[in-house]
């Protein structure tokens, strides 16, 4: 079994702040509390429309937290910021302005020149690149062909169906094994909660989980530190 890392996504601290366009709550303060509670890294998604995390948040996170995983699409201004700030990891995700949250993985059936160039730019400045993709074997093969070291498996279908059957869990297991066999590092995330996280955390090839909304929701009730501690326990690691 690999050592399981827990990265906490602080986007929705910024979502609450942006609802009133004020200066609180502060996602950087929240990130530091997550680290103090045992989070292995902090994830933040700088979207093209800047609906939650803002440029200044990324600037501050990059110089404050120990490990930053910056989620981004191929928007030139966001890529340029990533290249300048050099977070430990950049996870490339698809974006559609009308979506509430990221609804699926990157389409790698015909990787665009823009995606290839973005990967090149990020790797050229020493950033570890991960691709957010659906747990599909052909998509994993395409990710391997792009030369990235890591993938993050989209767990959305599992999150929506885990109470009905284990089909999506088996899909994640197959994908994680296939990715690991090809030498890719395997991460996972999207829709994971205290109730459904343990079976995913038990997949031996997965070494990193990215969880945000569930932890942020729980933190309103019990506080940020305790919410992170409880997620660690829920993972069974």
C-alpha atoms as a PDB file:
ATOM      1  CA  UNK A   1       0.000   0.000   0.000  1.00  0.00           C
ATOM      2  CA  UNK A   2       1.183   3.497  -0.794  1.00  0.00           C
ATOM      3  CA  UNK A   3       1.167   6.164   1.891  1.00  0.00           C
ATOM      4  CA  UNK A   4      -2.107   8.016   1.398  1.00  0.00           C
ATOM      5  CA  UNK A   5      -1.886  11.799   1.199  1.00  0.00           C
ATOM      6  CA  UNK A   6      -4.838  14.074   1.887  1.00  0.00           C
ATOM      7  CA  UNK A   7      -4.973  17.389   0.050  1.00  0.00           C
ATOM      8  CA  UNK A   8      -7.705  19.798   1.117  1.00  0.00           C
ATOM      9  CA  UNK A   9      -9.333  22.048  -1.480  1.00  0.00           C
ATOM     10  CA  UNK A  10     -10.084  25.483   0.006  1.00  0.00           C
ATOM     11  CA  UNK A  11     -12.040  26.879  -2.967  1.00  0.00           C
ATOM     12  CA  UNK A  12     -15.310  27.095  -1.086  1.00  0.00           C
ATOM     13  CA  UNK A  13     -13.881  29.243   1.660  1.00  0.00           C
ATOM     14  CA  UNK A  14     -13.443  31.755  -1.140  1.00  0.00           C
ATOM     15  CA  UNK A  15     -16.946  30.948  -2.445  1.00  0.00           C
ATOM     16  CA  UNK A  16     -18.401  32.123   0.862  1.00  0.00           C
ATOM     17  CA  UNK A  17     -16.258  35.242   0.841  1.00  0.00           C
ATOM     18  CA  UNK A  18     -17.200  36.118  -2.734  1.00  0.00           C
ATOM     19  CA  UNK A  19     -20.911  35.812  -1.902  1.00  0.00           C
ATOM     20  CA  UNK A  20     -20.538  39.133  -0.064  1.00  0.00           C
ATOM     21  CA  UNK A  21     -17.464  40.460  -1.911  1.00  0.00           C
ATOM     22  CA  UNK A  22     -15.723  41.079   1.388  1.00  0.00           C
ATOM     23  CA  UNK A  23     -12.407  39.971   2.893  1.00  0.00           C
ATOM     24  CA  UNK A  24     -13.588  37.050   5.003  1.00  0.00           C
ATOM     25  CA  UNK A  25     -13.384  34.133   5.392  1.00  0.00           C
ATOM     26  CA  UNK A  26      -9.784  33.939   4.218  1.00  0.00           C
ATOM     27  CA  UNK A  27      -8.834  30.792   2.269  1.00  0.00           C
ATOM     28  CA  UNK A  28      -5.189  31.215   3.227  1.00  0.00           C
ATOM     29  CA  UNK A  29      -6.045  31.201   6.930  1.00  0.00           C
ATOM     30  CA  UNK A  30      -8.197  28.141   6.322  1.00  0.00           C
ATOM     31  CA  UNK A  31      -5.329  26.439   4.473  1.00  0.00           C
ATOM     32  CA  UNK A  32      -2.975  26.976   7.401  1.00  0.00           C
ATOM     33  CA  UNK A  33      -5.507  25.439   9.786  1.00  0.00           C
ATOM     34  CA  UNK A  34      -5.790  22.439   7.446  1.00  0.00           C
ATOM     35  CA  UNK A  35      -2.019  21.986   7.501  1.00  0.00           C
ATOM     36  CA  UNK A  36      -1.977  22.216  11.289  1.00  0.00           C
ATOM     37  CA  UNK A  37      -4.595  19.463  11.414  1.00  0.00           C
ATOM     38  CA  UNK A  38      -2.506  17.128   9.263  1.00  0.00           C
ATOM     39  CA  UNK A  39      -3.373  17.906   5.644  1.00  0.00           C
ATOM     40  CA  UNK A  40      -0.490  16.919   3.384  1.00  0.00           C
ATOM     41  CA  UNK A  41      -1.222  19.612   0.828  1.00  0.00           C
ATOM     42  CA  UNK A  42      -3.577  22.384  -0.187  1.00  0.00           C
ATOM     43  CA  UNK A  43      -5.507  22.481  -3.456  1.00  0.00           C
ATOM     44  CA  UNK A  44      -6.986  25.606  -5.033  1.00  0.00           C
ATOM     45  CA  UNK A  45      -8.612  26.050  -8.444  1.00  0.00           C
ATOM     46  CA  UNK A  46      -8.040  29.389 -10.149  1.00  0.00           C
ATOM     47  CA  UNK A  47     -10.864  29.373 -12.675  1.00  0.00           C
ATOM     48  CA  UNK A  48     -10.940  31.522 -15.768  1.00  0.00           C
ATOM     49  CA  UNK A  49     -14.075  33.298 -14.495  1.00  0.00           C
ATOM     50  CA  UNK A  50     -12.569  33.809 -11.001  1.00  0.00           C
ATOM     51  CA  UNK A  51     -15.792  32.699  -9.335  1.00  0.00           C
ATOM     52  CA  UNK A  52     -14.113  31.828  -6.036  1.00  0.00           C
ATOM     53  CA  UNK A  53     -10.309  31.726  -5.708  1.00  0.00           C
ATOM     54  CA  UNK A  54      -8.716  34.995  -6.861  1.00  0.00           C
ATOM     55  CA  UNK A  55      -5.237  35.796  -8.150  1.00  0.00           C
ATOM     56  CA  UNK A  56      -4.237  37.315  -4.816  1.00  0.00           C
ATOM     57  CA  UNK A  57      -5.259  34.097  -3.037  1.00  0.00           C
ATOM     58  CA  UNK A  58      -2.944  32.053  -5.244  1.00  0.00           C
ATOM     59  CA  UNK A  59      -0.121  34.556  -4.747  1.00  0.00           C
ATOM     60  CA  UNK A  60      -0.473  34.251  -0.968  1.00  0.00           C
ATOM     61  CA  UNK A  61      -0.978  30.492  -0.927  1.00  0.00           C
ATOM     62  CA  UNK A  62       2.148  29.969  -3.027  1.00  0.00           C
ATOM     63  CA  UNK A  63       4.273  31.759  -0.440  1.00  0.00           C
ATOM     64  CA  UNK A  64       2.488  30.470   2.675  1.00  0.00           C
ATOM     65  CA  UNK A  65       1.511  26.796   2.500  1.00  0.00           C
ATOM     66  CA  UNK A  66       4.018  23.976   2.402  1.00  0.00           C
ATOM     67  CA  UNK A  67       2.581  22.123  -0.608  1.00  0.00           C
ATOM     68  CA  UNK A  68       0.273  23.753  -3.161  1.00  0.00           C
ATOM     69  CA  UNK A  69      -1.609  21.890  -5.861  1.00  0.00           C
ATOM     70  CA  UNK A  70      -2.968  24.486  -8.273  1.00  0.00           C
ATOM     71  CA  UNK A  71      -5.885  23.368 -10.413  1.00  0.00           C
ATOM     72  CA  UNK A  72      -6.211  25.198 -13.709  1.00  0.00           C
ATOM     73  CA  UNK A  73      -7.357  24.943 -17.279  1.00  0.00           C
ATOM     74  CA  UNK A  74      -5.304  26.125 -20.261  1.00  0.00           C
ATOM     75  CA  UNK A  75      -6.200  29.820 -19.933  1.00  0.00           C
ATOM     76  CA  UNK A  76      -2.993  31.681 -20.874  1.00  0.00           C
ATOM     77  CA  UNK A  77      -3.136  34.155 -17.975  1.00  0.00           C
ATOM     78  CA  UNK A  78      -3.608  31.389 -15.391  1.00  0.00           C
ATOM     79  CA  UNK A  79      -0.862  29.267 -16.952  1.00  0.00           C
ATOM     80  CA  UNK A  80       1.454  32.277 -16.894  1.00  0.00           C
ATOM     81  CA  UNK A  81       0.741  32.822 -13.206  1.00  0.00           C
ATOM     82  CA  UNK A  82       1.428  29.171 -12.446  1.00  0.00           C
ATOM     83  CA  UNK A  83       4.730  29.327 -14.296  1.00  0.00           C
ATOM     84  CA  UNK A  84       5.712  32.416 -12.328  1.00  0.00           C
ATOM     85  CA  UNK A  85       4.695  31.122  -8.883  1.00  0.00           C
ATOM     86  CA  UNK A  86       5.797  27.521  -9.464  1.00  0.00           C
ATOM     87  CA  UNK A  87       3.514  25.554  -7.132  1.00  0.00           C
ATOM     88  CA  UNK A  88       4.621  22.043  -6.340  1.00  0.00           C
ATOM     89  CA  UNK A  89       1.909  20.583  -8.554  1.00  0.00           C
ATOM     90  CA  UNK A  90      -0.441  21.760 -11.281  1.00  0.00           C
ATOM     91  CA  UNK A  91      -3.514  19.685 -12.055  1.00  0.00           C
ATOM     92  CA  UNK A  92      -5.014  20.432 -15.449  1.00  0.00           C
ATOM     93  CA  UNK A  93      -8.799  20.272 -15.511  1.00  0.00           C
ATOM     94  CA  UNK A  94     -11.538  21.051 -18.043  1.00  0.00           C
ATOM     95  CA  UNK A  95     -13.676  24.143 -17.496  1.00  0.00           C
ATOM     96  CA  UNK A  96     -17.089  25.203 -18.729  1.00  0.00           C
ATOM     97  CA  UNK A  97     -18.473  28.507 -17.532  1.00  0.00           C
ATOM     98  CA  UNK A  98     -22.012  27.182 -17.107  1.00  0.00           C
ATOM     99  CA  UNK A  99     -21.030  24.306 -14.788  1.00  0.00           C
ATOM    100  CA  UNK A 100     -21.398  24.577 -11.028  1.00  0.00           C
ATOM    101  CA  UNK A 101     -18.327  22.428 -10.447  1.00  0.00           C
ATOM    102  CA  UNK A 102     -16.014  20.392 -12.659  1.00  0.00           C
ATOM    103  CA  UNK A 103     -18.306  17.749 -14.123  1.00  0.00           C
ATOM    104  CA  UNK A 104     -15.877  15.369 -15.824  1.00  0.00           C
ATOM    105  CA  UNK A 105     -12.322  14.702 -16.805  1.00  0.00           C
ATOM    106  CA  UNK A 106     -10.274  16.037 -19.663  1.00  0.00           C
ATOM    107  CA  UNK A 107     -11.108  14.700 -23.107  1.00  0.00           C
ATOM    108  CA  UNK A 108      -7.867  13.107 -24.276  1.00  0.00           C
ATOM    109  CA  UNK A 109      -9.284  11.302 -27.303  1.00  0.00           C
ATOM    110  CA  UNK A 110      -7.556  13.929 -29.425  1.00  0.00           C
ATOM    111  CA  UNK A 111      -5.297  16.005 -27.123  1.00  0.00           C
ATOM    112  CA  UNK A 112      -5.249  19.610 -28.310  1.00  0.00           C
ATOM    113  CA  UNK A 113      -2.026  21.437 -29.187  1.00  0.00           C
ATOM    114  CA  UNK A 114      -2.982  23.925 -26.463  1.00  0.00           C
ATOM    115  CA  UNK A 115      -3.025  21.189 -23.828  1.00  0.00           C
ATOM    116  CA  UNK A 116       0.306  19.823 -25.019  1.00  0.00           C
ATOM    117  CA  UNK A 117       1.837  23.305 -24.932  1.00  0.00           C
ATOM    118  CA  UNK A 118       0.472  23.959 -21.435  1.00  0.00           C
ATOM    119  CA  UNK A 119       2.016  20.725 -20.162  1.00  0.00           C
ATOM    120  CA  UNK A 120       5.326  21.706 -21.755  1.00  0.00           C
ATOM    121  CA  UNK A 121       5.278  25.190 -20.217  1.00  0.00           C
ATOM    122  CA  UNK A 122       4.532  23.905 -16.730  1.00  0.00           C
ATOM    123  CA  UNK A 123       7.117  21.137 -16.836  1.00  0.00           C
ATOM    124  CA  UNK A 124       9.734  23.478 -18.241  1.00  0.00           C
ATOM    125  CA  UNK A 125       9.701  25.497 -15.011  1.00  0.00           C
ATOM    126  CA  UNK A 126       9.803  22.398 -12.811  1.00  0.00           C
ATOM    127  CA  UNK A 127       6.122  21.993 -11.915  1.00  0.00           C
ATOM    128  CA  UNK A 128       4.816  18.460 -11.428  1.00  0.00           C
ATOM    129  CA  UNK A 129       1.842  18.039 -13.782  1.00  0.00           C
ATOM    130  CA  UNK A 130      -1.225  15.908 -13.168  1.00  0.00           C
ATOM    131  CA  UNK A 131      -4.228  15.461 -15.483  1.00  0.00           C
ATOM    132  CA  UNK A 132      -7.776  15.231 -14.123  1.00  0.00           C
ATOM    133  CA  UNK A 133      -9.380  12.428 -16.128  1.00  0.00           C
ATOM    134  CA  UNK A 134     -12.224   9.939 -16.054  1.00  0.00           C
ATOM    135  CA  UNK A 135     -11.273   6.400 -14.945  1.00  0.00           C
ATOM    136  CA  UNK A 136     -11.190   5.114 -18.515  1.00  0.00           C
ATOM    137  CA  UNK A 137      -8.367   2.858 -19.676  1.00  0.00           C
ATOM    138  CA  UNK A 138      -7.975   4.476 -23.101  1.00  0.00           C
ATOM    139  CA  UNK A 139      -7.874   7.901 -21.509  1.00  0.00           C
ATOM    140  CA  UNK A 140      -5.162   6.679 -19.173  1.00  0.00           C
ATOM    141  CA  UNK A 141      -3.164   5.425 -22.143  1.00  0.00           C
ATOM    142  CA  UNK A 142      -3.475   8.867 -23.727  1.00  0.00           C
ATOM    143  CA  UNK A 143      -2.304  10.522 -20.503  1.00  0.00           C
ATOM    144  CA  UNK A 144       0.735   8.267 -20.460  1.00  0.00           C
ATOM    145  CA  UNK A 145       1.483   9.228 -24.062  1.00  0.00           C
ATOM    146  CA  UNK A 146       1.438  12.905 -23.049  1.00  0.00           C
ATOM    147  CA  UNK A 147       4.357  12.234 -20.726  1.00  0.00           C
ATOM    148  CA  UNK A 148       2.867  13.495 -17.465  1.00  0.00           C
ATOM    149  CA  UNK A 149       3.936  11.810 -14.219  1.00  0.00           C
ATOM    150  CA  UNK A 150       0.514  11.724 -12.553  1.00  0.00           C
ATOM    151  CA  UNK A 151      -3.232  11.525 -13.096  1.00  0.00           C
ATOM    152  CA  UNK A 152      -6.179  12.341 -10.865  1.00  0.00           C
ATOM    153  CA  UNK A 153      -9.111   9.993 -11.337  1.00  0.00           C
ATOM    154  CA  UNK A 154     -12.496  11.691 -11.402  1.00  0.00           C
ATOM    155  CA  UNK A 155     -14.595  10.012  -8.696  1.00  0.00           C
ATOM    156  CA  UNK A 156     -17.853  11.779  -9.569  1.00  0.00           C
ATOM    157  CA  UNK A 157     -19.690   8.721 -10.887  1.00  0.00           C
ATOM    158  CA  UNK A 158     -18.703   6.762  -7.796  1.00  0.00           C
ATOM    159  CA  UNK A 159     -19.879   9.624  -5.563  1.00  0.00           C
ATOM    160  CA  UNK A 160     -23.289   9.593  -7.248  1.00  0.00           C
ATOM    161  CA  UNK A 161     -23.835   5.818  -7.326  1.00  0.00           C
ATOM    162  CA  UNK A 162     -21.948   4.252  -4.407  1.00  0.00           C
ATOM    163  CA  UNK A 163     -25.130   3.547  -2.438  1.00  0.00           C
ATOM    164  CA  UNK A 164     -26.700   1.625  -5.337  1.00  0.00           C
ATOM    165  CA  UNK A 165     -23.867  -0.599  -6.559  1.00  0.00           C
ATOM    166  CA  UNK A 166     -20.094  -0.993  -6.698  1.00  0.00           C
ATOM    167  CA  UNK A 167     -19.719  -0.698 -10.477  1.00  0.00           C
ATOM    168  CA  UNK A 168     -18.026   2.699 -10.329  1.00  0.00           C
ATOM    169  CA  UNK A 169     -15.750   1.552  -7.514  1.00  0.00           C
ATOM    170  CA  UNK A 170     -14.602  -1.394  -9.614  1.00  0.00           C
ATOM    171  CA  UNK A 171     -13.999   1.020 -12.481  1.00  0.00           C
ATOM    172  CA  UNK A 172     -11.759   3.101 -10.208  1.00  0.00           C
ATOM    173  CA  UNK A 173      -9.884   0.000  -9.069  1.00  0.00           C
ATOM    174  CA  UNK A 174      -9.212  -1.104 -12.638  1.00  0.00           C
ATOM    175  CA  UNK A 175      -8.130   2.368 -13.675  1.00  0.00           C
ATOM    176  CA  UNK A 176      -5.826   2.809 -10.692  1.00  0.00           C
ATOM    177  CA  UNK A 177      -4.181  -0.546 -11.339  1.00  0.00           C
ATOM    178  CA  UNK A 178      -3.744   0.194 -15.041  1.00  0.00           C
ATOM    179  CA  UNK A 179      -2.263   3.620 -14.351  1.00  0.00           C
ATOM    180  CA  UNK A 180       0.129   2.269 -11.750  1.00  0.00           C
ATOM    181  CA  UNK A 181       1.235  -0.536 -14.058  1.00  0.00           C
ATOM    182  CA  UNK A 182       2.226   2.120 -16.616  1.00  0.00           C
ATOM    183  CA  UNK A 183       4.264   3.988 -14.030  1.00  0.00           C
ATOM    184  CA  UNK A 184       1.809   6.829 -13.411  1.00  0.00           C
ATOM    185  CA  UNK A 185       1.227   8.212  -9.933  1.00  0.00           C
ATOM    186  CA  UNK A 186      -2.465   7.967  -9.105  1.00  0.00           C
ATOM    187  CA  UNK A 187      -4.585  10.591  -7.349  1.00  0.00           C
ATOM    188  CA  UNK A 188      -8.367  10.746  -6.996  1.00  0.00           C
ATOM    189  CA  UNK A 189     -11.064  13.240  -6.147  1.00  0.00           C
ATOM    190  CA  UNK A 190     -14.480  14.812  -6.715  1.00  0.00           C
ATOM    191  CA  UNK A 191     -17.558  14.289  -4.587  1.00  0.00           C
ATOM    192  CA  UNK A 192     -15.768  12.301  -1.903  1.00  0.00           C
ATOM    193  CA  UNK A 193     -17.352  12.613   1.546  1.00  0.00           C
ATOM    194  CA  UNK A 194     -16.956  11.263   5.057  1.00  0.00           C
ATOM    195  CA  UNK A 195     -19.509   8.586   4.177  1.00  0.00           C
ATOM    196  CA  UNK A 196     -18.025   7.301   0.915  1.00  0.00           C
ATOM    197  CA  UNK A 197     -14.289   7.966   1.076  1.00  0.00           C
ATOM    198  CA  UNK A 198     -13.027   4.780   2.739  1.00  0.00           C
ATOM    199  CA  UNK A 199     -13.448   2.339  -0.196  1.00  0.00           C
ATOM    200  CA  UNK A 200     -11.559   4.728  -2.485  1.00  0.00           C
ATOM    201  CA  UNK A 201      -8.859   5.308   0.110  1.00  0.00           C
ATOM    202  CA  UNK A 202      -8.464   1.521   0.329  1.00  0.00           C
ATOM    203  CA  UNK A 203      -7.434   1.209  -3.335  1.00  0.00           C
ATOM    204  CA  UNK A 204      -3.714   0.466  -2.931  1.00  0.00           C
ATOM    205  CA  UNK A 205      -2.458   2.277  -6.016  1.00  0.00           C
ATOM    206  CA  UNK A 206      -4.080   5.601  -5.083  1.00  0.00           C
ATOM    207  CA  UNK A 207      -1.629   7.762  -3.166  1.00  0.00           C
ATOM    208  CA  UNK A 208      -3.440  11.101  -2.959  1.00  0.00           C
ATOM    209  CA  UNK A 209      -7.014  12.263  -2.403  1.00  0.00           C
ATOM    210  CA  UNK A 210      -8.233  15.785  -3.124  1.00  0.00           C
ATOM    211  CA  UNK A 211     -11.286  16.661  -1.040  1.00  0.00           C
ATOM    212  CA  UNK A 212     -12.903  20.058  -0.599  1.00  0.00           C
ATOM    213  CA  UNK A 213     -16.651  20.559  -0.352  1.00  0.00           C
ATOM    214  CA  UNK A 214     -17.331  17.879   2.253  1.00  0.00           C
ATOM    215  CA  UNK A 215     -14.567  19.108   4.546  1.00  0.00           C
ATOM    216  CA  UNK A 216     -15.596  22.747   4.132  1.00  0.00           C
ATOM    217  CA  UNK A 217     -19.209  21.827   4.922  1.00  0.00           C
ATOM    218  CA  UNK A 218     -18.220  19.884   8.030  1.00  0.00           C
ATOM    219  CA  UNK A 219     -15.947  22.699   9.198  1.00  0.00           C
ATOM    220  CA  UNK A 220     -18.949  25.009   9.597  1.00  0.00           C
ATOM    221  CA  UNK A 221     -20.207  22.655  12.309  1.00  0.00           C
ATOM    222  CA  UNK A 222     -17.046  21.476  14.055  1.00  0.00           C
ATOM    223  CA  UNK A 223     -14.293  23.852  12.916  1.00  0.00           C
ATOM    224  CA  UNK A 224     -11.618  23.452  10.263  1.00  0.00           C
ATOM    225  CA  UNK A 225      -9.048  21.501  12.262  1.00  0.00           C
ATOM    226  CA  UNK A 226     -11.576  18.970  13.521  1.00  0.00           C
ATOM    227  CA  UNK A 227     -13.085  18.537  10.048  1.00  0.00           C
ATOM    228  CA  UNK A 228      -9.678  17.576   8.644  1.00  0.00           C
ATOM    229  CA  UNK A 229      -8.988  15.209  11.542  1.00  0.00           C
ATOM    230  CA  UNK A 230     -12.356  13.525  10.995  1.00  0.00           C
ATOM    231  CA  UNK A 231     -11.668  13.091   7.266  1.00  0.00           C
ATOM    232  CA  UNK A 232      -8.363  11.402   8.074  1.00  0.00           C
ATOM    233  CA  UNK A 233     -10.240   8.976  10.320  1.00  0.00           C
ATOM    234  CA  UNK A 234     -12.914   8.406   7.673  1.00  0.00           C
ATOM    235  CA  UNK A 235     -10.188   7.449   5.185  1.00  0.00           C
ATOM    236  CA  UNK A 236      -9.037   4.722   7.566  1.00  0.00           C
ATOM    237  CA  UNK A 237      -5.393   5.669   7.104  1.00  0.00           C
END
